[in-house]
Amino acid sequence: MSERLRTRHLHRFEAAGKAFLYLQSAAIFALDDASRAILDLLEAEPRSRHEMQTALAARWPTDELEESLDELVKVEAVAPVDQAPAPMPKIIPLEPFPLTTMVMNVTNQCNLACAYCYEYGEDKIVETANGAQPKFMSEETATQSVDFMLREAGPNKVVHMTLFGGETLLNLPVLKIAIPYARQRAMEAGKRVEFNLTTNATLLKPDVVDFLVENDVAVTISIDGPPEMQDTFRVFRSGAGSYDVAMPKIKELLRRHRTKPIGARVTLTSKTLDVGRIFRHLTDEVGFREVGFAPVTTSPDRQYAIEDGGFDTMLGQFRTLAEEFRDHALENRHHAFANVKDTLEEIHKGANKAYPCGAGLGLIGVATDGQVALCHRFAGSDEHTMGTVDGGIDRERQAEFLDRHHVARKTDCRTCWARPLCAGGCYHEAQTRYGATDAPNLHYCDWIREWTDVCLRIYGELAERNPAYLARFEGRVTDEASQAS
């Protein structure tokens, strides 16, 4: 008897009345009827070629079945039962990998006391050995950070500089030094710097808005929605809500700052999960043209942690917004839901990640004392340092990190069909939940797979019904990390 065949780790989905196949290579294939029938048989149980031909002979001639089966074998959707999957190649980027984004934590202080903030919560991991990390970055460290950024950017002609906190605007004097300095030094080096600043908006006074407009700084606003949601966790130290303070300033920024995107970044919790209400408020009532959502990062025993049915609730509302996005895209109309746009772009570009993000690779965070870390969330952590702005990146430590965190080492991820877009998930989330950055975020697995399926279906619809929309992603330079949160 000829060898028996089985399916490999793949995902089937339907869109626009057609069947598609998503593979671990990140490739997407449209399936003809014969291929669909073959997969139906093999997903039920392994079979030999002869058994499949016998079962399907009444519907297709042998040569057509053989052609379809050969194609499925070629793309590794089907393989012999006794053939072990080829080991995942562990390709470590060539060193030195050029820096694309530096997130500069100009302060670790904040004028708010958000209950879920990773900077101050019980899951806080940003600790130094002597506890002496400065509250505010100095002008000297800021200029050293800029020089470090341009030096480590290597051949990159564009580098992204994200200004972060704490509340970033608490250190406005240093911003007013660092931004023009970076622009001047980049020009001298034949490069260009793109600036982004994250803020809670409470300090957006008229002179601050003037500064942001004049310096062409993109802004990400951390905001959780209408008053009853914003004021649940995003409060001042007195316990007073921040909505009434922030909102007039946000609207003024949106009115005046037209040259760069102003995005909203929402933290979802178990207490603030009305995604639709939040989205409508921030787009229709406030005027944001881009809104992104992220579930709170915290230990599971906190009351605001999203668990079990909360992810189902979140997924259902994400799906509704994603379908709205699809309908708008089919008519080439703008829709503000950033989560689906970002995933569609990754799908279109064939993202097949060895690492979940650029942290420790093309992205680094800089603490107030000039210590270089994996990303902004680890800024100041001795355990996760990657060097200093004065001494540069510790290449030996970086190489060890990249080797240890490669998705090939994450046993739970190797057989997951959604691995190309996930690669195990956020390092900070893993540290908070499991105590180790190299642990896969298993509590997110079902959510990630279901959300990826939603986005694949929307991608398939657009590919069939309005492929011109997807073409806008081609050659587009994106840097999600510059929208640090």
Protein backbone atom coordinates (compact mmCIF):
# COMPACT_ATOMS: atom_id res chain seq x y z
CA MET A 1 0.00 0.00 0.00
CA SER A 2 1.31 3.47 -0.85
CA GLU A 3 2.26 5.83 1.94
CA ARG A 4 -0.53 7.49 3.86
CA LEU A 5 -0.82 11.27 3.85
CA ARG A 6 -2.06 13.75 6.42
CA THR A 7 -2.54 17.49 6.67
CA ARG A 8 0.10 19.71 8.21
CA HIS A 9 -0.43 22.70 10.51
CA LEU A 10 -2.67 24.87 8.39
CA HIS A 11 -5.77 26.99 8.65
CA ARG A 12 -8.69 26.95 6.23
CA PHE A 13 -11.04 29.89 5.89
CA GLU A 14 -13.69 31.18 3.52
CA ALA A 15 -14.15 34.67 2.13
CA ALA A 16 -16.18 36.13 -0.73
CA GLY A 17 -17.68 32.69 -1.38
CA LYS A 18 -14.26 31.10 -1.94
CA ALA A 19 -12.08 28.75 0.09
CA PHE A 20 -8.56 29.69 1.15
CA LEU A 21 -5.65 28.10 2.93
CA TYR A 22 -3.25 29.87 5.32
CA LEU A 23 0.05 28.08 5.91
CA GLN A 24 2.82 28.39 8.48
CA SER A 25 4.94 29.85 5.71
CA ALA A 26 2.47 32.81 5.88
CA ALA A 27 1.37 32.04 2.32
CA ILE A 28 -2.31 32.21 1.37
CA PHE A 29 -3.73 29.96 -1.35
CA ALA A 30 -7.12 29.92 -3.01
CA LEU A 31 -8.42 26.35 -3.05
CA ASP A 32 -10.20 24.76 -5.98
CA ASP A 33 -12.96 22.22 -5.39
CA ALA A 34 -10.67 19.21 -5.81
CA SER A 35 -8.17 20.55 -3.27
CA ARG A 36 -10.98 21.24 -0.83
CA ALA A 37 -12.26 17.68 -1.17
CA ILE A 38 -8.77 16.25 -0.63
CA LEU A 39 -8.29 18.27 2.53
CA ASP A 40 -11.73 17.26 3.79
CA LEU A 41 -10.73 13.60 3.49
CA LEU A 42 -7.30 14.03 5.06
CA GLU A 43 -8.57 16.10 7.97
CA ALA A 44 -10.95 13.27 8.82
CA GLU A 45 -8.16 10.64 8.76
CA PRO A 46 -4.86 9.90 6.96
CA ARG A 47 -5.28 8.22 3.58
CA SER A 48 -3.17 6.94 0.73
CA ARG A 49 -3.29 8.47 -2.75
CA HIS A 50 -5.14 5.41 -4.00
CA GLU A 51 -7.77 5.70 -1.27
CA MET A 52 -8.35 9.35 -2.10
CA GLN A 53 -8.60 8.65 -5.82
CA THR A 54 -11.11 5.90 -5.14
CA ALA A 55 -13.18 8.11 -2.85
CA LEU A 56 -13.24 11.04 -5.28
CA ALA A 57 -13.16 9.25 -8.64
CA ALA A 58 -16.82 9.96 -9.32
CA ARG A 59 -16.21 13.71 -9.11
CA TRP A 60 -12.77 14.27 -10.66
CA PRO A 61 -10.48 12.43 -13.07
CA THR A 62 -7.32 10.91 -11.63
CA ASP A 63 -4.94 13.35 -13.32
CA GLU A 64 -6.79 16.38 -11.88
CA LEU A 65 -6.74 14.89 -8.38
CA GLU A 66 -3.04 14.07 -8.71
CA GLU A 67 -2.28 17.62 -9.83
CA SER A 68 -4.17 19.10 -6.89
CA LEU A 69 -2.56 16.71 -4.41
CA ASP A 70 0.92 17.37 -5.79
CA GLU A 71 0.36 21.09 -5.31
CA LEU A 72 -0.75 20.57 -1.69
CA VAL A 73 2.34 18.47 -1.03
CA LYS A 74 4.56 21.06 -2.70
CA VAL A 75 3.35 23.85 -0.40
CA GLU A 76 3.64 21.48 2.60
CA ALA A 77 -0.06 21.54 3.41
CA VAL A 78 -0.01 17.74 3.10
CA ALA A 79 2.78 15.32 4.01
CA PRO A 80 3.36 11.60 4.61
CA VAL A 81 2.25 10.41 8.05
CA ASP A 82 5.69 9.10 8.94
CA GLN A 83 7.52 12.21 7.74
CA ALA A 84 8.56 14.35 10.63
CA PRO A 85 8.13 18.08 10.08
CA ALA A 86 11.34 19.78 9.05
CA PRO A 87 12.89 21.57 12.02
CA MET A 88 12.08 25.25 12.06
CA PRO A 89 15.13 27.14 10.83
CA LYS A 90 16.51 29.38 13.54
CA ILE A 91 17.96 32.29 11.61
CA ILE A 92 19.47 34.97 13.81
CA PRO A 93 19.74 38.42 12.18
CA LEU A 94 23.16 39.48 11.05
CA GLU A 95 24.90 41.79 13.50
CA PRO A 96 24.91 44.64 13.99
CA PHE A 97 21.21 44.91 13.18
CA PRO A 98 20.46 48.59 12.48
CA LEU A 99 18.24 50.44 14.90
CA THR A 100 14.92 51.65 13.49
CA THR A 101 13.19 52.96 16.63
CA MET A 102 14.40 54.39 19.92
CA VAL A 103 11.82 54.88 22.67
CA MET A 104 13.28 57.50 25.01
CA ASN A 105 11.77 57.46 28.49
CA VAL A 106 12.33 61.08 29.46
CA THR A 107 10.69 60.53 32.85
CA ASN A 108 9.34 57.70 34.96
CA GLN A 109 7.02 60.08 36.79
CA CYS A 110 3.36 60.76 36.02
CA ASN A 111 0.72 63.24 37.14
CA LEU A 112 -1.91 60.49 36.98
CA ALA A 113 -2.21 57.36 39.11
CA CYS A 114 -3.80 54.90 36.69
CA ALA A 115 -4.61 51.77 38.65
CA TYR A 116 -3.44 49.39 35.93
CA CYS A 117 -0.18 51.17 35.03
CA TYR A 118 2.70 48.73 34.68
CA GLU A 119 5.06 51.47 35.90
CA TYR A 120 3.50 51.47 39.37
CA GLY A 121 1.47 48.27 39.69
CA GLU A 122 2.35 45.11 41.57
CA ASP A 123 3.72 43.66 38.34
CA LYS A 124 6.30 46.43 38.13
CA ILE A 125 9.57 44.97 36.87
CA VAL A 126 11.45 48.17 36.20
CA GLU A 127 13.90 48.16 39.11
CA THR A 128 17.56 49.05 39.29
CA ALA A 129 20.07 47.44 41.58
CA ASN A 130 20.52 50.53 43.73
CA GLY A 131 17.07 52.03 43.21
CA ALA A 132 18.68 55.29 42.11
CA GLN A 133 17.25 55.66 38.63
CA PRO A 134 16.64 59.40 38.04
CA LYS A 135 13.05 60.58 37.92
CA PHE A 136 13.82 62.78 34.93
CA MET A 137 16.25 62.34 32.07
CA SER A 138 18.90 65.06 31.94
CA GLU A 139 19.72 67.15 28.90
CA GLU A 140 23.11 65.47 28.70
CA THR A 141 21.59 61.96 28.69
CA ALA A 142 19.00 63.05 26.11
CA THR A 143 21.65 64.30 23.68
CA GLN A 144 23.76 61.19 24.31
CA SER A 145 20.66 59.12 23.51
CA VAL A 146 20.20 60.94 20.21
CA ASP A 147 23.83 60.37 19.26
CA PHE A 148 23.45 56.70 20.22
CA MET A 149 20.30 56.40 18.08
CA LEU A 150 21.92 57.86 14.98
CA ARG A 151 25.08 55.81 15.47
CA GLU A 152 23.19 52.54 15.90
CA ALA A 153 20.86 53.30 12.96
CA GLY A 154 23.67 52.28 10.62
CA PRO A 155 22.62 52.58 6.97
CA ASN A 156 19.00 53.43 7.78
CA LYS A 157 18.16 56.82 6.33
CA VAL A 158 15.07 57.22 8.52
CA VAL A 159 14.99 56.53 12.23
CA HIS A 160 12.01 56.83 14.58
CA MET A 161 12.32 58.55 17.92
CA THR A 162 9.46 58.00 20.34
CA LEU A 163 9.26 60.23 23.41
CA PHE A 164 7.75 58.43 26.36
CA GLY A 165 7.21 58.39 30.13
CA GLY A 166 5.65 58.25 32.76
CA GLU A 167 3.90 61.32 31.46
CA THR A 168 6.22 62.52 28.74
CA LEU A 169 5.26 66.20 28.97
CA LEU A 170 6.43 66.43 32.58
CA ASN A 171 9.92 66.76 31.11
CA LEU A 172 9.10 69.33 28.45
CA PRO A 173 12.43 71.20 28.89
CA VAL A 174 14.36 68.12 27.76
CA LEU A 175 12.00 67.58 24.84
CA LYS A 176 12.71 71.10 23.69
CA ILE A 177 16.43 70.27 23.69
CA ALA A 178 16.29 66.72 22.30
CA ILE A 179 14.02 67.24 19.30
CA PRO A 180 15.89 70.09 17.57
CA TYR A 181 19.19 68.45 18.49
CA ALA A 182 18.07 65.18 16.88
CA ARG A 183 16.91 66.96 13.75
CA GLN A 184 20.20 68.83 13.39
CA ARG A 185 22.41 65.81 14.06
CA ALA A 186 20.36 63.67 11.67
CA MET A 187 20.72 66.24 8.90
CA GLU A 188 24.48 66.27 9.43
CA ALA A 189 24.50 62.48 9.16
CA GLY A 190 22.33 62.43 6.04
CA LYS A 191 19.40 60.94 7.90
CA ARG A 192 15.90 61.97 8.89
CA VAL A 193 14.18 61.52 12.27
CA GLU A 194 10.45 60.90 12.61
CA PHE A 195 9.15 61.96 16.02
CA ASN A 196 6.28 60.49 18.01
CA LEU A 197 5.18 61.44 21.50
CA THR A 198 2.87 59.56 23.86
CA THR A 199 0.87 61.54 26.42
CA ASN A 200 -2.19 61.37 28.65
CA ALA A 201 -3.11 64.83 27.24
CA THR A 202 -3.67 66.52 30.61
CA LEU A 203 -0.63 68.79 30.08
CA LEU A 204 -1.37 69.78 26.47
CA LYS A 205 -1.33 73.52 27.09
CA PRO A 206 -1.41 75.95 24.12
CA ASP A 207 2.37 76.45 24.13
CA VAL A 208 2.87 72.65 24.15
CA VAL A 209 0.54 72.25 21.17
CA ASP A 210 2.48 75.02 19.41
CA PHE A 211 5.71 73.12 20.03
CA LEU A 212 4.30 69.83 18.70
CA VAL A 213 2.88 71.48 15.60
CA GLU A 214 6.03 73.47 14.86
CA ASN A 215 8.20 70.36 15.22
CA ASP A 216 5.94 68.03 13.25
CA VAL A 217 5.61 65.53 16.10
CA ALA A 218 3.06 62.72 15.74
CA VAL A 219 1.09 62.17 18.93
CA THR A 220 -0.43 59.11 20.55
CA ILE A 221 -3.01 59.87 23.23
CA SER A 222 -3.53 57.31 25.98
CA ILE A 223 -7.26 57.47 26.64
CA ASP A 224 -9.86 54.89 27.57
CA GLY A 225 -13.07 56.36 26.17
CA PRO A 226 -16.04 58.35 27.45
CA PRO A 227 -16.05 59.76 31.02
CA GLU A 228 -17.46 56.70 32.77
CA MET A 229 -14.66 54.53 31.31
CA GLN A 230 -11.79 57.01 31.29
CA ASP A 231 -12.42 57.90 34.92
CA THR A 232 -12.62 54.30 36.11
CA PHE A 233 -8.84 53.86 36.18
CA ARG A 234 -7.23 56.92 34.60
CA VAL A 235 -7.38 59.19 37.63
CA PHE A 236 -5.28 61.78 39.42
CA ARG A 237 -3.65 60.88 42.73
CA SER A 238 -6.57 62.52 44.49
CA GLY A 239 -8.89 59.99 42.84
CA ALA A 240 -10.46 62.62 40.58
CA GLY A 241 -11.11 61.55 37.01
CA SER A 242 -8.96 62.90 34.16
CA TYR A 243 -11.53 63.06 31.35
CA ASP A 244 -12.73 66.63 31.90
CA VAL A 245 -9.16 67.89 32.10
CA ALA A 246 -7.85 66.02 29.07
CA MET A 247 -10.72 66.22 26.60
CA PRO A 248 -10.76 69.96 25.79
CA LYS A 249 -7.01 69.78 25.21
CA ILE A 250 -7.34 66.73 22.97
CA LYS A 251 -9.93 68.46 20.82
CA GLU A 252 -7.73 71.53 20.50
CA LEU A 253 -4.78 69.36 19.46
CA LEU A 254 -6.92 67.59 16.86
CA ARG A 255 -8.15 70.94 15.56
CA ARG A 256 -4.71 72.48 15.23
CA HIS A 257 -2.33 69.60 14.47
CA ARG A 258 -3.05 68.46 10.92
CA THR A 259 0.34 67.48 9.53
CA LYS A 260 0.91 64.32 11.55
CA PRO A 261 -1.40 61.54 12.75
CA ILE A 262 -2.98 61.88 16.17
CA GLY A 263 -3.94 58.42 17.36
CA ALA A 264 -5.84 57.14 20.39
CA ARG A 265 -4.52 54.17 22.30
CA VAL A 266 -7.05 52.44 24.57
CA THR A 267 -6.28 50.01 27.39
CA LEU A 268 -9.09 47.50 27.81
CA THR A 269 -9.86 45.98 31.21
CA SER A 270 -12.52 43.68 32.59
CA LYS A 271 -14.32 46.80 33.82
CA THR A 272 -14.08 48.73 30.54
CA LEU A 273 -14.85 46.29 27.74
CA ASP A 274 -17.49 48.17 25.76
CA VAL A 275 -15.27 48.43 22.70
CA GLY A 276 -18.04 49.70 20.44
CA ARG A 277 -19.02 52.52 22.80
CA ILE A 278 -15.39 53.54 23.27
CA PHE A 279 -14.74 53.52 19.53
CA ARG A 280 -17.84 55.56 18.66
CA HIS A 281 -17.02 58.13 21.29
CA LEU A 282 -13.41 58.57 20.24
CA THR A 283 -14.17 58.73 16.52
CA ASP A 284 -17.66 60.25 16.12
CA GLU A 285 -17.71 62.49 19.18
CA VAL A 286 -14.04 63.40 19.65
CA GLY A 287 -12.65 63.16 16.13
CA PHE A 288 -9.78 60.64 16.22
CA ARG A 289 -9.03 59.13 12.81
CA GLU A 290 -7.18 56.17 14.28
CA VAL A 291 -8.01 54.19 17.42
CA GLY A 292 -6.11 51.14 18.63
CA PHE A 293 -7.01 48.82 21.50
CA ALA A 294 -4.87 46.61 23.73
CA PRO A 295 -5.90 44.42 26.67
CA VAL A 296 -4.35 45.43 29.97
CA THR A 297 -1.06 43.81 30.91
CA THR A 298 -1.23 42.69 34.51
CA SER A 299 -1.10 39.68 36.79
CA PRO A 300 -4.23 37.50 36.57
CA ASP A 301 -5.39 38.07 40.14
CA ARG A 302 -6.15 41.75 39.65
CA GLN A 303 -9.84 42.64 39.39
CA TYR A 304 -9.33 44.50 36.13
CA ALA A 305 -7.49 41.61 34.42
CA ILE A 306 -9.32 40.21 31.41
CA GLU A 307 -9.96 36.50 31.80
CA ASP A 308 -12.08 33.73 30.29
CA GLY A 309 -15.30 35.21 28.92
CA GLY A 310 -13.78 38.68 28.75
CA PHE A 311 -11.72 37.71 25.72
CA ASP A 312 -14.85 36.34 24.04
CA THR A 313 -16.60 39.65 24.67
CA MET A 314 -13.62 41.56 23.30
CA LEU A 315 -13.39 39.33 20.23
CA GLY A 316 -17.08 39.75 19.42
CA GLN A 317 -16.79 43.52 19.49
CA PHE A 318 -13.52 43.49 17.57
CA ARG A 319 -15.23 41.36 14.93
CA THR A 320 -18.06 43.88 14.57
CA LEU A 321 -15.61 46.75 14.06
CA ALA A 322 -13.49 44.65 11.71
CA GLU A 323 -16.51 43.94 9.53
CA GLU A 324 -17.26 47.66 9.46
CA PHE A 325 -13.68 48.24 8.41
CA ARG A 326 -14.11 45.71 5.59
CA ASP A 327 -17.26 47.42 4.34
CA HIS A 328 -15.52 50.79 4.35
CA ALA A 329 -12.45 49.37 2.61
CA LEU A 330 -14.55 47.80 -0.13
CA GLU A 331 -15.72 51.33 -0.96
CA ASN A 332 -12.25 52.86 -0.41
CA ARG A 333 -13.50 54.77 2.61
CA HIS A 334 -11.46 55.43 5.74
CA HIS A 335 -12.15 53.53 8.96
CA ALA A 336 -10.37 54.28 12.23
CA PHE A 337 -9.98 50.76 13.66
CA ALA A 338 -6.17 50.44 13.77
CA ASN A 339 -6.02 46.84 15.00
CA VAL A 340 -7.43 45.34 11.83
CA LYS A 341 -5.47 47.67 9.54
CA ASP A 342 -2.19 46.68 11.17
CA THR A 343 -2.95 42.96 10.91
CA LEU A 344 -4.08 43.22 7.29
CA GLU A 345 -0.81 44.92 6.43
CA GLU A 346 1.18 42.13 8.05
CA ILE A 347 -0.83 39.51 6.18
CA HIS A 348 -0.40 41.34 2.88
CA LYS A 349 3.35 41.63 3.35
CA GLY A 350 3.64 37.95 4.25
CA ALA A 351 4.83 38.53 7.80
CA ASN A 352 6.38 35.36 9.19
CA LYS A 353 7.82 36.39 12.53
CA ALA A 354 10.71 34.81 14.35
CA TYR A 355 10.13 37.37 17.12
CA PRO A 356 6.84 38.94 18.21
CA CYS A 357 8.10 42.52 17.85
CA GLY A 358 11.25 44.53 17.30
CA ALA A 359 12.18 44.75 20.99
CA GLY A 360 15.89 44.12 21.47
CA LEU A 361 16.36 44.02 17.73
CA GLY A 362 15.40 47.08 15.68
CA LEU A 363 13.72 48.73 18.66
CA ILE A 364 15.17 49.58 22.04
CA GLY A 365 14.09 51.60 25.05
CA VAL A 366 16.28 54.09 26.89
CA ALA A 367 15.78 54.73 30.62
CA THR A 368 16.16 58.09 32.31
CA ASP A 369 19.76 57.22 33.27
CA GLY A 370 20.76 56.25 29.72
CA GLN A 371 20.50 52.51 30.24
CA VAL A 372 19.41 50.69 27.08
CA ALA A 373 16.65 48.08 27.48
CA LEU A 374 14.59 45.68 25.37
CA CYS A 375 11.84 48.25 25.00
CA HIS A 376 10.21 51.13 26.86
CA ARG A 377 8.42 48.79 29.25
CA PHE A 378 11.70 47.35 30.48
CA ALA A 379 13.50 50.69 30.68
CA GLY A 380 15.55 50.74 33.88
CA SER A 381 15.45 46.99 34.50
CA ASP A 382 18.93 45.61 35.20
CA GLU A 383 17.79 42.14 34.19
CA HIS A 384 16.74 43.31 30.73
CA THR A 385 19.45 45.81 29.92
CA MET A 386 21.13 45.83 26.50
CA GLY A 387 23.87 48.36 27.18
CA THR A 388 24.06 52.11 27.61
CA VAL A 389 23.74 55.10 25.31
CA ASP A 390 27.34 55.99 26.07
CA GLY A 391 28.84 52.52 25.59
CA GLY A 392 26.44 51.26 22.92
CA ILE A 393 24.51 48.02 22.58
CA ASP A 394 25.99 44.98 24.29
CA ARG A 395 26.17 42.75 21.21
CA GLU A 396 26.96 39.60 23.14
CA ARG A 397 23.94 40.07 25.37
CA GLN A 398 21.77 40.95 22.38
CA ALA A 399 22.85 37.78 20.54
CA GLU A 400 22.06 35.65 23.60
CA PHE A 401 18.64 37.28 23.86
CA LEU A 402 17.82 36.73 20.19
CA ASP A 403 18.90 33.11 20.35
CA ARG A 404 16.90 32.37 23.52
CA HIS A 405 13.74 34.15 22.36
CA HIS A 406 13.53 32.82 18.81
CA VAL A 407 10.14 31.26 18.15
CA ALA A 408 11.86 27.97 17.26
CA ARG A 409 12.57 27.56 20.98
CA LYS A 410 8.92 27.98 21.96
CA THR A 411 7.62 24.43 21.83
CA ASP A 412 4.01 25.50 22.24
CA CYS A 413 4.25 27.78 19.21
CA ARG A 414 5.84 25.47 16.65
CA THR A 415 2.64 23.71 15.66
CA CYS A 416 0.30 26.71 15.88
CA TRP A 417 -1.04 27.87 12.54
CA ALA A 418 -1.12 31.49 13.77
CA ARG A 419 2.58 31.47 14.65
CA PRO A 420 3.66 33.68 11.68
CA LEU A 421 1.73 36.67 13.07
CA CYS A 422 2.20 35.99 16.78
CA ALA A 423 5.55 34.31 17.54
CA GLY A 424 4.54 33.82 21.16
CA GLY A 425 3.42 37.32 22.09
CA CYS A 426 4.69 40.31 24.07
CA TYR A 427 7.81 39.85 26.22
CA HIS A 428 6.49 42.16 28.92
CA GLU A 429 3.21 40.26 29.05
CA ALA A 430 5.15 37.01 29.43
CA GLN A 431 7.31 38.47 32.21
CA THR A 432 4.23 39.69 34.05
CA ARG A 433 2.21 36.50 33.66
CA TYR A 434 4.86 33.79 33.75
CA GLY A 435 7.95 35.44 35.21
CA ALA A 436 10.06 34.99 32.08
CA THR A 437 10.29 36.95 28.84
CA ASP A 438 10.83 33.79 26.77
CA ALA A 439 7.57 32.13 27.85
CA PRO A 440 4.79 31.98 25.24
CA ASN A 441 1.64 33.84 26.26
CA LEU A 442 -0.58 30.77 26.40
CA HIS A 443 -3.51 32.65 27.96
CA TYR A 444 -3.81 34.61 24.68
CA CYS A 445 -3.67 31.66 22.27
CA ASP A 446 -7.37 31.18 21.53
CA TRP A 447 -7.90 34.92 21.28
CA ILE A 448 -4.97 35.35 18.85
CA ARG A 449 -6.10 32.48 16.63
CA GLU A 450 -9.68 33.69 16.46
CA TRP A 451 -8.67 37.29 15.78
CA THR A 452 -6.26 36.14 13.08
CA ASP A 453 -9.08 34.16 11.47
CA VAL A 454 -11.28 37.29 11.45
CA CYS A 455 -8.54 39.28 9.73
CA LEU A 456 -7.79 36.53 7.22
CA ARG A 457 -11.44 36.46 6.18
CA ILE A 458 -11.46 40.22 5.72
CA TYR A 459 -8.22 40.01 3.76
CA GLY A 460 -9.73 37.36 1.49
CA GLU A 461 -12.81 39.53 0.89
CA LEU A 462 -10.67 42.51 -0.06
CA ALA A 463 -8.35 40.43 -2.22
CA GLU A 464 -11.31 39.17 -4.23
CA ARG A 465 -13.51 42.26 -4.31
CA ASN A 466 -11.17 45.27 -4.05
CA PRO A 467 -7.51 44.27 -4.43
CA ALA A 468 -6.58 47.89 -5.13
CA TYR A 469 -7.19 48.66 -1.46
CA LEU A 470 -4.53 46.17 -0.38
CA ALA A 471 -2.04 47.67 -2.82
CA ARG A 472 -1.72 50.69 -0.55
CA PHE A 473 0.25 48.51 1.87
CA GLU A 474 2.93 47.75 -0.69
CA GLY A 475 6.12 49.63 -0.06
CA ARG A 476 4.56 51.46 2.87
CA VAL A 477 7.01 52.00 5.69
CA THR A 478 5.32 51.27 8.99
CA ASP A 479 6.59 51.35 12.50
CA GLU A 480 4.03 50.23 15.02
CA ALA A 481 6.63 50.35 17.72
CA SER A 482 6.93 54.10 17.28
CA GLN A 483 3.36 54.26 18.59
CA ALA A 484 4.70 52.97 21.88
CA SER A 485 2.23 52.44 24.65
